[in-house]
Amino acid sequence: MKPMSRPYVDAGRTGQKRRTFDALVAAARQLVASGTSPTVDEAALAAGVARSTAYRYFPGQRELLAAAHPETARRSMLPDNPPDDVAERLDVVVVEFTRMIVETEVQQRTMLRLSLELSDGQERSLPLRQGRAIAWIAEALAPLRQQLSDAEVHQLVLAIRSAIGIESLVWLTDVGGLSRDAAVASMRWSAGALLSQALSHGLPEASPAQPGGRLPAEP
């Protein structure tokens, strides 16, 4: 993961500082994966870093947990030679996206909780709120731009995104009582059904976006 773009990290002995940063992030990720939401003190202890030093990198728990979020810097969920058929392209992306969500479920749940707790203006800094899955789905649906407008494609992308991801996994497993395999199968089916419905019957009439509307929680 790329170090935080902060003067303290990027000035002076940058090599040592980046190693310290990476050690704190690795410790935080391990603690989150064990089911806890570590404080800066706890991450410092696990990483063998002095508390005073750790706070130079992370002033609070939110900043630490945001940095510890699973890496989502991937530009694409498609393989090097993606299929031409749009349904196949979407299925490939959904399978890969949901696999990543399940493999990092504990971390994803932590970041989902943080994104719901933040006040206006704070949530944009979190990886969950940066709309990365939107771009991955849009790339899968790129062939539709020959028959749908950009606005229609975007509307379909949002509909599909609403049916997959950590939010859907939480509901399907915690509320619906499905196993993770069954939840993934349900999300995969929903994504394909939304695409099929859009192509055969069109999209619902879109209402104007609310001012200051937010992107859905990501990856």
C-alpha atoms as a PDB file:
ATOM      1  CA  MET A   1       0.000   0.000   0.000  1.00  0.00           C
ATOM      2  CA  LYS A   2       1.307   3.466  -0.856  1.00  0.00           C
ATOM      3  CA  PRO A   3       2.331   5.423   2.253  1.00  0.00           C
ATOM      4  CA  MET A   4       0.222   8.314   3.437  1.00  0.00           C
ATOM      5  CA  SER A   5       0.966  11.544   1.614  1.00  0.00           C
ATOM      6  CA  ARG A   6       1.965  13.527   4.680  1.00  0.00           C
ATOM      7  CA  PRO A   7       4.977  15.794   5.247  1.00  0.00           C
ATOM      8  CA  TYR A   8       6.242  13.702   8.172  1.00  0.00           C
ATOM      9  CA  VAL A   9       6.339  10.518   6.110  1.00  0.00           C
ATOM     10  CA  ASP A  10       7.787  12.125   2.994  1.00  0.00           C
ATOM     11  CA  ALA A  11      10.493  14.278   4.582  1.00  0.00           C
ATOM     12  CA  GLY A  12      13.849  13.303   6.044  1.00  0.00           C
ATOM     13  CA  ARG A  13      14.681   9.620   6.391  1.00  0.00           C
ATOM     14  CA  THR A  14      11.871   8.502   4.126  1.00  0.00           C
ATOM     15  CA  GLY A  15      13.061   4.908   3.863  1.00  0.00           C
ATOM     16  CA  GLN A  16      12.909   4.319   7.613  1.00  0.00           C
ATOM     17  CA  LYS A  17       9.646   6.215   7.934  1.00  0.00           C
ATOM     18  CA  ARG A  18       7.995   4.163   5.235  1.00  0.00           C
ATOM     19  CA  ARG A  19       9.126   0.957   6.889  1.00  0.00           C
ATOM     20  CA  THR A  20       7.622   2.177  10.157  1.00  0.00           C
ATOM     21  CA  PHE A  21       4.432   3.157   8.372  1.00  0.00           C
ATOM     22  CA  ASP A  22       4.213  -0.254   6.693  1.00  0.00           C
ATOM     23  CA  ALA A  23       4.821  -2.019  10.019  1.00  0.00           C
ATOM     24  CA  LEU A  24       1.987  -0.102  11.685  1.00  0.00           C
ATOM     25  CA  VAL A  25      -0.385  -0.800   8.799  1.00  0.00           C
ATOM     26  CA  ALA A  26       0.538  -4.500   8.753  1.00  0.00           C
ATOM     27  CA  ALA A  27      -0.044  -4.767  12.502  1.00  0.00           C
ATOM     28  CA  ALA A  28      -3.376  -2.969  12.214  1.00  0.00           C
ATOM     29  CA  ARG A  29      -4.496  -5.255   9.377  1.00  0.00           C
ATOM     30  CA  GLN A  30      -3.604  -8.337  11.392  1.00  0.00           C
ATOM     31  CA  LEU A  31      -5.545  -7.047  14.383  1.00  0.00           C
ATOM     32  CA  VAL A  32      -8.566  -6.144  12.252  1.00  0.00           C
ATOM     33  CA  ALA A  33      -8.460  -9.582  10.617  1.00  0.00           C
ATOM     34  CA  SER A  34      -8.641 -11.111  14.096  1.00  0.00           C
ATOM     35  CA  GLY A  35     -11.935  -9.318  14.670  1.00  0.00           C
ATOM     36  CA  THR A  36     -10.868  -6.217  16.583  1.00  0.00           C
ATOM     37  CA  SER A  37     -10.776  -2.517  15.759  1.00  0.00           C
ATOM     38  CA  PRO A  38      -7.296  -1.601  17.002  1.00  0.00           C
ATOM     39  CA  THR A  39      -6.360   1.739  18.478  1.00  0.00           C
ATOM     40  CA  VAL A  40      -3.132   3.481  17.539  1.00  0.00           C
ATOM     41  CA  ASP A  41      -1.678   2.324  20.874  1.00  0.00           C
ATOM     42  CA  GLU A  42      -2.545  -1.306  20.143  1.00  0.00           C
ATOM     43  CA  ALA A  43      -1.098  -1.175  16.625  1.00  0.00           C
ATOM     44  CA  ALA A  44       2.080   0.433  17.955  1.00  0.00           C
ATOM     45  CA  LEU A  45       2.469  -2.302  20.553  1.00  0.00           C
ATOM     46  CA  ALA A  46       1.909  -5.060  17.990  1.00  0.00           C
ATOM     47  CA  ALA A  47       4.348  -3.458  15.555  1.00  0.00           C
ATOM     48  CA  GLY A  48       7.016  -2.794  18.161  1.00  0.00           C
ATOM     49  CA  VAL A  49       6.831   0.947  17.510  1.00  0.00           C
ATOM     50  CA  ALA A  50       6.863   3.607  20.191  1.00  0.00           C
ATOM     51  CA  ARG A  51       3.454   5.139  20.904  1.00  0.00           C
ATOM     52  CA  SER A  52       4.732   8.665  20.372  1.00  0.00           C
ATOM     53  CA  THR A  53       6.142   7.644  17.000  1.00  0.00           C
ATOM     54  CA  ALA A  54       2.917   5.917  15.920  1.00  0.00           C
ATOM     55  CA  TYR A  55       0.879   9.068  16.544  1.00  0.00           C
ATOM     56  CA  ARG A  56       3.130  10.982  14.146  1.00  0.00           C
ATOM     57  CA  TYR A  57       1.788   8.747  11.402  1.00  0.00           C
ATOM     58  CA  PHE A  58      -1.787   8.301  12.593  1.00  0.00           C
ATOM     59  CA  PRO A  59      -3.350  11.005  14.792  1.00  0.00           C
ATOM     60  CA  GLY A  60      -6.341   8.783  15.547  1.00  0.00           C
ATOM     61  CA  GLN A  61      -7.961   5.390  15.134  1.00  0.00           C
ATOM     62  CA  ARG A  62      -9.961   6.376  12.046  1.00  0.00           C
ATOM     63  CA  GLU A  63      -6.835   7.305  10.099  1.00  0.00           C
ATOM     64  CA  LEU A  64      -5.195   4.048  11.157  1.00  0.00           C
ATOM     65  CA  LEU A  65      -8.154   1.880  10.149  1.00  0.00           C
ATOM     66  CA  ALA A  66      -8.526   3.691   6.837  1.00  0.00           C
ATOM     67  CA  ALA A  67      -4.897   2.896   6.028  1.00  0.00           C
ATOM     68  CA  ALA A  68      -5.416  -0.711   7.113  1.00  0.00           C
ATOM     69  CA  HIS A  69      -8.271  -1.246   4.680  1.00  0.00           C
ATOM     70  CA  PRO A  70      -7.535  -4.011   2.125  1.00  0.00           C
ATOM     71  CA  GLU A  71      -5.723  -2.757  -0.941  1.00  0.00           C
ATOM     72  CA  THR A  72      -8.238  -1.684  -3.586  1.00  0.00           C
ATOM     73  CA  ALA A  73      -5.961   0.203  -5.959  1.00  0.00           C
ATOM     74  CA  ARG A  74      -6.703  -2.228  -8.804  1.00  0.00           C
ATOM     75  CA  ARG A  75      -7.780  -0.447 -11.941  1.00  0.00           C
ATOM     76  CA  SER A  76      -9.703  -3.383 -13.326  1.00  0.00           C
ATOM     77  CA  MET A  77     -11.418  -6.600 -12.290  1.00  0.00           C
ATOM     78  CA  LEU A  78     -11.280  -7.952 -15.843  1.00  0.00           C
ATOM     79  CA  PRO A  79      -8.602 -10.408 -17.043  1.00  0.00           C
ATOM     80  CA  ASP A  80      -5.980  -9.408 -19.601  1.00  0.00           C
ATOM     81  CA  ASN A  81      -8.111 -10.816 -22.422  1.00  0.00           C
ATOM     82  CA  PRO A  82     -11.680 -10.068 -21.332  1.00  0.00           C
ATOM     83  CA  PRO A  83     -14.668 -11.602 -23.130  1.00  0.00           C
ATOM     84  CA  ASP A  84     -16.575  -9.508 -25.646  1.00  0.00           C
ATOM     85  CA  ASP A  85     -20.026 -10.499 -24.421  1.00  0.00           C
ATOM     86  CA  VAL A  86     -21.252  -7.959 -21.889  1.00  0.00           C
ATOM     87  CA  ALA A  87     -22.992 -10.543 -19.699  1.00  0.00           C
ATOM     88  CA  GLU A  88     -19.803 -12.596 -19.486  1.00  0.00           C
ATOM     89  CA  ARG A  89     -17.762  -9.473 -18.732  1.00  0.00           C
ATOM     90  CA  LEU A  90     -20.083  -8.486 -15.911  1.00  0.00           C
ATOM     91  CA  ASP A  91     -20.076 -11.980 -14.430  1.00  0.00           C
ATOM     92  CA  VAL A  92     -16.269 -12.056 -14.400  1.00  0.00           C
ATOM     93  CA  VAL A  93     -16.173  -8.744 -12.544  1.00  0.00           C
ATOM     94  CA  VAL A  94     -18.862  -9.742 -10.048  1.00  0.00           C
ATOM     95  CA  VAL A  95     -17.143 -13.058  -9.304  1.00  0.00           C
ATOM     96  CA  GLU A  96     -13.797 -11.357  -8.698  1.00  0.00           C
ATOM     97  CA  PHE A  97     -15.296  -8.484  -6.721  1.00  0.00           C
ATOM     98  CA  THR A  98     -17.335 -10.713  -4.419  1.00  0.00           C
ATOM     99  CA  ARG A  99     -14.338 -13.027  -3.926  1.00  0.00           C
ATOM    100  CA  MET A 100     -12.320 -10.055  -2.690  1.00  0.00           C
ATOM    101  CA  ILE A 101     -15.141  -8.952  -0.397  1.00  0.00           C
ATOM    102  CA  VAL A 102     -15.484 -12.392   1.210  1.00  0.00           C
ATOM    103  CA  GLU A 103     -11.726 -12.839   1.628  1.00  0.00           C
ATOM    104  CA  THR A 104     -11.439  -9.501   3.447  1.00  0.00           C
ATOM    105  CA  GLU A 105     -14.840  -9.566   5.119  1.00  0.00           C
ATOM    106  CA  VAL A 106     -13.701  -8.574   8.613  1.00  0.00           C
ATOM    107  CA  GLN A 107     -11.832  -5.549   7.308  1.00  0.00           C
ATOM    108  CA  GLN A 108     -14.717  -4.665   4.998  1.00  0.00           C
ATOM    109  CA  ARG A 109     -17.179  -4.761   7.893  1.00  0.00           C
ATOM    110  CA  THR A 110     -14.942  -2.494   9.960  1.00  0.00           C
ATOM    111  CA  MET A 111     -14.735   0.050   7.162  1.00  0.00           C
ATOM    112  CA  LEU A 112     -18.480  -0.170   6.543  1.00  0.00           C
ATOM    113  CA  ARG A 113     -19.102   0.639  10.194  1.00  0.00           C
ATOM    114  CA  LEU A 114     -16.725   3.587  10.012  1.00  0.00           C
ATOM    115  CA  SER A 115     -18.361   4.916   6.864  1.00  0.00           C
ATOM    116  CA  LEU A 116     -21.762   4.853   8.579  1.00  0.00           C
ATOM    117  CA  GLU A 117     -20.461   6.617  11.690  1.00  0.00           C
ATOM    118  CA  LEU A 118     -18.679   9.500   9.996  1.00  0.00           C
ATOM    119  CA  SER A 119     -20.214  12.950   9.793  1.00  0.00           C
ATOM    120  CA  ASP A 120     -20.655  14.960   6.600  1.00  0.00           C
ATOM    121  CA  GLY A 121     -17.402  15.788   4.883  1.00  0.00           C
ATOM    122  CA  GLN A 122     -15.346  13.026   6.542  1.00  0.00           C
ATOM    123  CA  GLU A 123     -16.454   9.933   4.654  1.00  0.00           C
ATOM    124  CA  ARG A 124     -14.799  10.857   1.339  1.00  0.00           C
ATOM    125  CA  SER A 125     -11.335  10.122   2.734  1.00  0.00           C
ATOM    126  CA  LEU A 126     -12.161   6.470   3.370  1.00  0.00           C
ATOM    127  CA  PRO A 127     -11.404   3.838   0.729  1.00  0.00           C
ATOM    128  CA  LEU A 128     -14.983   2.592   1.076  1.00  0.00           C
ATOM    129  CA  ARG A 129     -16.271   5.936  -0.157  1.00  0.00           C
ATOM    130  CA  GLN A 130     -14.167   6.436  -3.248  1.00  0.00           C
ATOM    131  CA  GLY A 131     -16.381   4.696  -5.784  1.00  0.00           C
ATOM    132  CA  ARG A 132     -13.849   2.170  -7.040  1.00  0.00           C
ATOM    133  CA  ALA A 133     -16.362  -0.598  -7.695  1.00  0.00           C
ATOM    134  CA  ILE A 134     -18.335   1.838  -9.838  1.00  0.00           C
ATOM    135  CA  ALA A 135     -15.429   2.046 -12.261  1.00  0.00           C
ATOM    136  CA  TRP A 136     -14.951  -1.732 -12.311  1.00  0.00           C
ATOM    137  CA  ILE A 137     -18.613  -2.350 -13.162  1.00  0.00           C
ATOM    138  CA  ALA A 138     -18.641   0.462 -15.717  1.00  0.00           C
ATOM    139  CA  GLU A 139     -15.686  -1.130 -17.480  1.00  0.00           C
ATOM    140  CA  ALA A 140     -17.540  -4.440 -17.644  1.00  0.00           C
ATOM    141  CA  LEU A 141     -20.537  -2.712 -19.221  1.00  0.00           C
ATOM    142  CA  ALA A 142     -18.484  -0.651 -21.685  1.00  0.00           C
ATOM    143  CA  PRO A 143     -19.864  -2.510 -24.766  1.00  0.00           C
ATOM    144  CA  LEU A 144     -23.351  -1.210 -23.885  1.00  0.00           C
ATOM    145  CA  ARG A 145     -22.310   2.322 -24.777  1.00  0.00           C
ATOM    146  CA  GLN A 146     -23.101   1.421 -28.369  1.00  0.00           C
ATOM    147  CA  GLN A 147     -26.786   1.076 -27.513  1.00  0.00           C
ATOM    148  CA  LEU A 148     -27.292   3.004 -24.265  1.00  0.00           C
ATOM    149  CA  SER A 149     -26.470   6.562 -23.327  1.00  0.00           C
ATOM    150  CA  ASP A 150     -23.805   7.331 -20.765  1.00  0.00           C
ATOM    151  CA  ALA A 151     -26.524   8.268 -18.284  1.00  0.00           C
ATOM    152  CA  GLU A 152     -28.322   4.959 -18.829  1.00  0.00           C
ATOM    153  CA  VAL A 153     -25.138   2.951 -18.415  1.00  0.00           C
ATOM    154  CA  HIS A 154     -24.369   4.813 -15.201  1.00  0.00           C
ATOM    155  CA  GLN A 155     -27.877   4.148 -13.922  1.00  0.00           C
ATOM    156  CA  LEU A 156     -27.421   0.436 -14.585  1.00  0.00           C
ATOM    157  CA  VAL A 157     -23.993   0.470 -12.932  1.00  0.00           C
ATOM    158  CA  LEU A 158     -25.504   1.957  -9.775  1.00  0.00           C
ATOM    159  CA  ALA A 159     -28.315  -0.599  -9.767  1.00  0.00           C
ATOM    160  CA  ILE A 160     -25.829  -3.464 -10.022  1.00  0.00           C
ATOM    161  CA  ARG A 161     -23.567  -1.941  -7.363  1.00  0.00           C
ATOM    162  CA  SER A 162     -26.531  -1.757  -4.995  1.00  0.00           C
ATOM    163  CA  ALA A 163     -26.945  -5.533  -5.295  1.00  0.00           C
ATOM    164  CA  ILE A 164     -23.340  -6.551  -4.592  1.00  0.00           C
ATOM    165  CA  GLY A 165     -20.590  -5.669  -2.122  1.00  0.00           C
ATOM    166  CA  ILE A 166     -20.115  -5.780   1.623  1.00  0.00           C
ATOM    167  CA  GLU A 167     -23.488  -4.162   2.327  1.00  0.00           C
ATOM    168  CA  SER A 168     -25.303  -6.918   0.436  1.00  0.00           C
ATOM    169  CA  LEU A 169     -23.137  -9.624   1.964  1.00  0.00           C
ATOM    170  CA  VAL A 170     -23.933  -8.388   5.470  1.00  0.00           C
ATOM    171  CA  TRP A 171     -27.675  -8.346   4.796  1.00  0.00           C
ATOM    172  CA  LEU A 172     -27.791 -11.719   3.043  1.00  0.00           C
ATOM    173  CA  THR A 173     -25.769 -13.494   5.730  1.00  0.00           C
ATOM    174  CA  ASP A 174     -26.752 -11.667   8.938  1.00  0.00           C
ATOM    175  CA  VAL A 175     -30.411 -11.014   8.137  1.00  0.00           C
ATOM    176  CA  GLY A 176     -31.178 -13.478   5.370  1.00  0.00           C
ATOM    177  CA  GLY A 177     -29.298 -16.321   7.039  1.00  0.00           C
ATOM    178  CA  LEU A 178     -27.531 -17.448   3.868  1.00  0.00           C
ATOM    179  CA  SER A 179     -24.122 -19.042   3.810  1.00  0.00           C
ATOM    180  CA  ARG A 180     -21.371 -17.004   2.197  1.00  0.00           C
ATOM    181  CA  ASP A 181     -21.405 -19.227  -0.877  1.00  0.00           C
ATOM    182  CA  ALA A 182     -25.164 -18.813  -1.208  1.00  0.00           C
ATOM    183  CA  ALA A 183     -24.872 -15.049  -0.659  1.00  0.00           C
ATOM    184  CA  VAL A 184     -22.266 -14.753  -3.406  1.00  0.00           C
ATOM    185  CA  ALA A 185     -24.445 -16.825  -5.733  1.00  0.00           C
ATOM    186  CA  SER A 186     -27.382 -14.527  -4.964  1.00  0.00           C
ATOM    187  CA  MET A 187     -25.361 -11.390  -5.708  1.00  0.00           C
ATOM    188  CA  ARG A 188     -24.077 -12.918  -8.919  1.00  0.00           C
ATOM    189  CA  TRP A 189     -27.619 -13.827  -9.994  1.00  0.00           C
ATOM    190  CA  SER A 190     -28.932 -10.366  -9.091  1.00  0.00           C
ATOM    191  CA  ALA A 191     -26.274  -8.619 -11.156  1.00  0.00           C
ATOM    192  CA  GLY A 192     -27.044 -10.764 -14.185  1.00  0.00           C
ATOM    193  CA  ALA A 193     -30.789 -10.320 -13.730  1.00  0.00           C
ATOM    194  CA  LEU A 194     -30.465  -6.542 -13.587  1.00  0.00           C
ATOM    195  CA  LEU A 195     -28.455  -6.532 -16.799  1.00  0.00           C
ATOM    196  CA  SER A 196     -30.941  -8.838 -18.539  1.00  0.00           C
ATOM    197  CA  GLN A 197     -33.892  -6.734 -17.385  1.00  0.00           C
ATOM    198  CA  ALA A 198     -32.273  -3.533 -18.610  1.00  0.00           C
ATOM    199  CA  LEU A 199     -31.553  -4.992 -22.027  1.00  0.00           C
ATOM    200  CA  SER A 200     -34.954  -6.601 -22.512  1.00  0.00           C
ATOM    201  CA  HIS A 201     -37.273  -4.081 -20.843  1.00  0.00           C
ATOM    202  CA  GLY A 202     -35.225  -0.929 -20.403  1.00  0.00           C
ATOM    203  CA  LEU A 203     -34.348   1.030 -17.294  1.00  0.00           C
ATOM    204  CA  PRO A 204     -36.749   2.671 -14.840  1.00  0.00           C
ATOM    205  CA  GLU A 205     -37.260   6.390 -15.174  1.00  0.00           C
ATOM    206  CA  ALA A 206     -34.474   7.979 -13.176  1.00  0.00           C
ATOM    207  CA  SER A 207     -35.281  10.671 -10.639  1.00  0.00           C
ATOM    208  CA  PRO A 208     -33.023  13.712 -10.407  1.00  0.00           C
ATOM    209  CA  ALA A 209     -29.982  13.154  -8.217  1.00  0.00           C
ATOM    210  CA  GLN A 210     -30.096  14.793  -4.820  1.00  0.00           C
ATOM    211  CA  PRO A 211     -27.752  17.734  -4.400  1.00  0.00           C
ATOM    212  CA  GLY A 212     -24.557  16.586  -2.768  1.00  0.00           C
ATOM    213  CA  GLY A 213     -25.455  12.959  -3.353  1.00  0.00           C
ATOM    214  CA  ARG A 214     -22.874  10.503  -2.093  1.00  0.00           C
ATOM    215  CA  LEU A 215     -21.274   7.539  -3.745  1.00  0.00           C
ATOM    216  CA  PRO A 216     -22.240   4.222  -2.217  1.00  0.00           C
ATOM    217  CA  ALA A 217     -19.833   2.574   0.162  1.00  0.00           C
ATOM    218  CA  GLU A 218     -16.968   0.776  -1.559  1.00  0.00           C
ATOM    219  CA  PRO A 219     -14.739  -1.272  -2.578  1.00  0.00           C
END
